[in-house]
Amino acid sequence: MNRPNIYNPYQKARENANLTQEKAVESLPVEVRSLQYYEAGRRYPNVKCAKKMSEIYNCNLNDLAPKEKGCESDI
């Protein structure tokens, strides 16, 4: 099993939407294993999947953009 990554925007957005991984994939074009990889930072979703995530997580697509470590502030 993948360890939680508190800095991962996919996991953070899903948790903010009060969804489990299993519930989230019911509305996403991926399986649980793919979502786990996204949340662990091992893979990234394609644009279609990221857009769907932003819809079901009720967040902005930009909120799902992975942040570089040490670059938390916007310029």
C-alpha atoms as a PDB file:
ATOM      1  CA  MET A   1       0.000   0.000   0.000  1.00  0.00           C
ATOM      2  CA  ASN A   2       1.162   3.520  -0.734  1.00  0.00           C
ATOM      3  CA  ARG A   3       1.941   5.828   2.160  1.00  0.00           C
ATOM      4  CA  PRO A   4      -0.115   9.018   2.518  1.00  0.00           C
ATOM      5  CA  ASN A   5       1.506  12.093   1.038  1.00  0.00           C
ATOM      6  CA  ILE A   6       0.170  15.195   2.770  1.00  0.00           C
ATOM      7  CA  TYR A   7       1.693  17.449   0.109  1.00  0.00           C
ATOM      8  CA  ASN A   8      -0.065  15.685  -2.761  1.00  0.00           C
ATOM      9  CA  PRO A   9      -2.799  17.901  -4.232  1.00  0.00           C
ATOM     10  CA  TYR A  10      -4.858  14.939  -5.511  1.00  0.00           C
ATOM     11  CA  GLN A  11      -5.126  13.354  -2.089  1.00  0.00           C
ATOM     12  CA  LYS A  12      -5.708  16.682  -0.352  1.00  0.00           C
ATOM     13  CA  ALA A  13      -8.526  17.645  -2.754  1.00  0.00           C
ATOM     14  CA  ARG A  14     -10.176  14.227  -2.437  1.00  0.00           C
ATOM     15  CA  GLU A  15     -10.040  14.351   1.344  1.00  0.00           C
ATOM     16  CA  ASN A  16     -11.394  17.923   1.369  1.00  0.00           C
ATOM     17  CA  ALA A  17     -14.332  16.608  -0.675  1.00  0.00           C
ATOM     18  CA  ASN A  18     -14.878  13.923   2.005  1.00  0.00           C
ATOM     19  CA  LEU A  19     -14.473  11.098  -0.506  1.00  0.00           C
ATOM     20  CA  THR A  20     -12.743   7.770  -0.095  1.00  0.00           C
ATOM     21  CA  GLN A  21     -10.616   6.521  -2.964  1.00  0.00           C
ATOM     22  CA  GLU A  22     -13.271   3.908  -3.692  1.00  0.00           C
ATOM     23  CA  LYS A  23     -16.047   6.518  -3.869  1.00  0.00           C
ATOM     24  CA  ALA A  24     -13.941   8.866  -6.003  1.00  0.00           C
ATOM     25  CA  VAL A  25     -13.176   6.275  -8.672  1.00  0.00           C
ATOM     26  CA  GLU A  26     -16.893   5.608  -9.120  1.00  0.00           C
ATOM     27  CA  SER A  27     -16.972   8.960 -10.955  1.00  0.00           C
ATOM     28  CA  LEU A  28     -13.463   8.888 -12.452  1.00  0.00           C
ATOM     29  CA  PRO A  29     -12.220   7.151 -15.608  1.00  0.00           C
ATOM     30  CA  VAL A  30      -9.574   5.243 -13.583  1.00  0.00           C
ATOM     31  CA  GLU A  31      -9.308   2.376 -11.134  1.00  0.00           C
ATOM     32  CA  VAL A  32      -8.351   2.631  -7.466  1.00  0.00           C
ATOM     33  CA  ARG A  33      -4.747   1.576  -8.161  1.00  0.00           C
ATOM     34  CA  SER A  34      -4.258   4.494 -10.582  1.00  0.00           C
ATOM     35  CA  LEU A  35      -5.670   6.950  -8.056  1.00  0.00           C
ATOM     36  CA  GLN A  36      -3.321   5.520  -5.435  1.00  0.00           C
ATOM     37  CA  TYR A  37      -0.382   6.116  -7.780  1.00  0.00           C
ATOM     38  CA  TYR A  38      -1.473   9.732  -8.372  1.00  0.00           C
ATOM     39  CA  GLU A  39      -1.795  10.337  -4.652  1.00  0.00           C
ATOM     40  CA  ALA A  40       1.598   8.760  -3.962  1.00  0.00           C
ATOM     41  CA  GLY A  41       3.239  10.954  -6.609  1.00  0.00           C
ATOM     42  CA  ARG A  42       4.280   7.957  -8.700  1.00  0.00           C
ATOM     43  CA  ARG A  43       2.174   8.940 -11.726  1.00  0.00           C
ATOM     44  CA  TYR A  44       0.116  11.874 -12.936  1.00  0.00           C
ATOM     45  CA  PRO A  45      -3.397  11.831 -14.398  1.00  0.00           C
ATOM     46  CA  ASN A  46      -4.053  12.892 -17.959  1.00  0.00           C
ATOM     47  CA  VAL A  47      -5.891  16.167 -18.559  1.00  0.00           C
ATOM     48  CA  LYS A  48      -9.289  14.494 -18.977  1.00  0.00           C
ATOM     49  CA  CYS A  49      -8.955  12.720 -15.639  1.00  0.00           C
ATOM     50  CA  ALA A  50      -7.623  15.832 -13.868  1.00  0.00           C
ATOM     51  CA  LYS A  51     -10.583  17.878 -15.135  1.00  0.00           C
ATOM     52  CA  LYS A  52     -12.997  15.222 -13.874  1.00  0.00           C
ATOM     53  CA  MET A  53     -11.208  15.205 -10.510  1.00  0.00           C
ATOM     54  CA  SER A  54     -11.630  18.977 -10.212  1.00  0.00           C
ATOM     55  CA  GLU A  55     -15.349  18.577 -10.910  1.00  0.00           C
ATOM     56  CA  ILE A  56     -16.048  15.834  -8.388  1.00  0.00           C
ATOM     57  CA  TYR A  57     -13.683  17.297  -5.777  1.00  0.00           C
ATOM     58  CA  ASN A  58     -15.292  20.735  -6.305  1.00  0.00           C
ATOM     59  CA  CYS A  59     -11.966  22.506  -6.724  1.00  0.00           C
ATOM     60  CA  ASN A  60     -10.117  24.509  -9.342  1.00  0.00           C
ATOM     61  CA  LEU A  61      -8.027  22.558 -11.847  1.00  0.00           C
ATOM     62  CA  ASN A  62      -5.021  24.662 -10.795  1.00  0.00           C
ATOM     63  CA  ASP A  63      -5.434  23.344  -7.248  1.00  0.00           C
ATOM     64  CA  LEU A  64      -4.492  19.910  -8.565  1.00  0.00           C
ATOM     65  CA  ALA A  65      -1.187  21.034 -10.072  1.00  0.00           C
ATOM     66  CA  PRO A  66       1.623  19.312  -8.147  1.00  0.00           C
ATOM     67  CA  LYS A  67       3.761  21.773  -6.220  1.00  0.00           C
ATOM     68  CA  GLU A  68       7.561  21.597  -6.191  1.00  0.00           C
ATOM     69  CA  LYS A  69       9.035  21.041  -2.741  1.00  0.00           C
ATOM     70  CA  GLY A  70      10.255  24.341  -1.371  1.00  0.00           C
ATOM     71  CA  CYS A  71       8.084  26.343  -3.806  1.00  0.00           C
ATOM     72  CA  GLU A  72       4.915  26.742  -1.788  1.00  0.00           C
ATOM     73  CA  SER A  73       4.392  30.425  -2.535  1.00  0.00           C
ATOM     74  CA  ASP A  74       3.141  31.785  -5.831  1.00  0.00           C
ATOM     75  CA  ILE A  75       5.243  34.381  -7.587  1.00  0.00           C
END
